[in-house]
Amino acid sequence: MNKTKKSFDCVEMMHEGALRIYEETKDMTEEQELAYWRLRNEESRKKYPQMRELEPANSTPK
């Protein structure tokens, strides 16, 4: 079976992101990690304001 060369690998990207976050948070206390995620959430909401207008993916439509 021949492997195809991918120009983009989503699973690899997800693993790299998870590893980066792990490295950033591995020595944090629970309070520090909560503060980290609150800050990341706030930054994301500012960067992508249109996301606030969308319903969460796991909610039922009205």
C-alpha atoms as a PDB file:
ATOM      1  CA  MET A   1       0.000   0.000   0.000  1.00  0.00           C
ATOM      2  CA  ASN A   2       1.430   3.370  -1.021  1.00  0.00           C
ATOM      3  CA  LYS A   3       1.225   6.310   1.338  1.00  0.00           C
ATOM      4  CA  THR A   4       0.189   9.616  -0.137  1.00  0.00           C
ATOM      5  CA  LYS A   5       2.100  12.738   0.818  1.00  0.00           C
ATOM      6  CA  LYS A   6      -0.339  15.083   2.543  1.00  0.00           C
ATOM      7  CA  SER A   7       0.042  18.828   2.303  1.00  0.00           C
ATOM      8  CA  PHE A   8      -2.003  19.224   5.508  1.00  0.00           C
ATOM      9  CA  ASP A   9      -2.583  16.676   8.266  1.00  0.00           C
ATOM     10  CA  CYS A  10      -5.386  17.666  10.655  1.00  0.00           C
ATOM     11  CA  VAL A  11      -4.555  14.971  13.232  1.00  0.00           C
ATOM     12  CA  GLU A  12      -0.916  16.043  13.307  1.00  0.00           C
ATOM     13  CA  MET A  13      -1.992  19.670  13.773  1.00  0.00           C
ATOM     14  CA  MET A  14      -4.284  18.693  16.667  1.00  0.00           C
ATOM     15  CA  HIS A  15      -1.500  16.709  18.346  1.00  0.00           C
ATOM     16  CA  GLU A  16       0.946  19.599  17.980  1.00  0.00           C
ATOM     17  CA  GLY A  17      -1.583  22.003  19.491  1.00  0.00           C
ATOM     18  CA  ALA A  18      -2.344  19.674  22.389  1.00  0.00           C
ATOM     19  CA  LEU A  19       1.375  19.228  23.076  1.00  0.00           C
ATOM     20  CA  ARG A  20       1.946  22.993  22.996  1.00  0.00           C
ATOM     21  CA  ILE A  21      -0.873  23.573  25.500  1.00  0.00           C
ATOM     22  CA  TYR A  22       0.376  20.729  27.695  1.00  0.00           C
ATOM     23  CA  GLU A  23       3.861  22.250  27.781  1.00  0.00           C
ATOM     24  CA  GLU A  24       2.421  25.661  28.676  1.00  0.00           C
ATOM     25  CA  THR A  25       0.223  24.328  31.503  1.00  0.00           C
ATOM     26  CA  LYS A  26       2.020  21.268  32.902  1.00  0.00           C
ATOM     27  CA  ASP A  27       3.557  23.042  35.910  1.00  0.00           C
ATOM     28  CA  MET A  28       0.539  25.202  36.730  1.00  0.00           C
ATOM     29  CA  THR A  29      -1.663  24.870  39.776  1.00  0.00           C
ATOM     30  CA  GLU A  30      -5.373  24.340  39.227  1.00  0.00           C
ATOM     31  CA  GLU A  31      -6.040  28.055  39.854  1.00  0.00           C
ATOM     32  CA  GLN A  32      -3.315  29.072  37.390  1.00  0.00           C
ATOM     33  CA  GLU A  33      -4.672  26.734  34.748  1.00  0.00           C
ATOM     34  CA  LEU A  34      -8.207  28.097  35.216  1.00  0.00           C
ATOM     35  CA  ALA A  35      -6.824  31.625  34.819  1.00  0.00           C
ATOM     36  CA  TYR A  36      -4.956  30.479  31.683  1.00  0.00           C
ATOM     37  CA  TRP A  37      -8.167  29.143  30.102  1.00  0.00           C
ATOM     38  CA  ARG A  38     -10.188  32.202  31.116  1.00  0.00           C
ATOM     39  CA  LEU A  39      -7.600  34.430  29.451  1.00  0.00           C
ATOM     40  CA  ARG A  40      -7.501  32.263  26.321  1.00  0.00           C
ATOM     41  CA  ASN A  41     -11.311  32.361  26.167  1.00  0.00           C
ATOM     42  CA  GLU A  42     -11.347  36.145  26.501  1.00  0.00           C
ATOM     43  CA  GLU A  43      -8.666  36.539  23.810  1.00  0.00           C
ATOM     44  CA  SER A  44     -10.585  34.241  21.450  1.00  0.00           C
ATOM     45  CA  ARG A  45     -13.832  36.127  21.968  1.00  0.00           C
ATOM     46  CA  LYS A  46     -12.094  39.395  21.087  1.00  0.00           C
ATOM     47  CA  LYS A  47     -10.324  37.899  18.074  1.00  0.00           C
ATOM     48  CA  TYR A  48     -13.410  36.117  16.714  1.00  0.00           C
ATOM     49  CA  PRO A  49     -16.456  38.195  17.773  1.00  0.00           C
ATOM     50  CA  GLN A  50     -18.699  36.516  15.192  1.00  0.00           C
ATOM     51  CA  MET A  51     -18.404  33.256  17.144  1.00  0.00           C
ATOM     52  CA  ARG A  52     -20.476  34.788  19.939  1.00  0.00           C
ATOM     53  CA  GLU A  53     -23.392  35.106  17.514  1.00  0.00           C
ATOM     54  CA  LEU A  54     -23.430  31.379  16.734  1.00  0.00           C
ATOM     55  CA  GLU A  55     -25.258  28.861  18.878  1.00  0.00           C
ATOM     56  CA  PRO A  56     -23.048  26.282  20.587  1.00  0.00           C
ATOM     57  CA  ALA A  57     -22.706  23.086  18.556  1.00  0.00           C
ATOM     58  CA  ASN A  58     -24.192  20.936  21.306  1.00  0.00           C
ATOM     59  CA  SER A  59     -27.331  23.052  21.846  1.00  0.00           C
ATOM     60  CA  THR A  60     -30.729  22.222  20.432  1.00  0.00           C
ATOM     61  CA  PRO A  61     -32.227  24.716  17.956  1.00  0.00           C
ATOM     62  CA  LYS A  62     -35.027  26.932  19.231  1.00  0.00           C
END
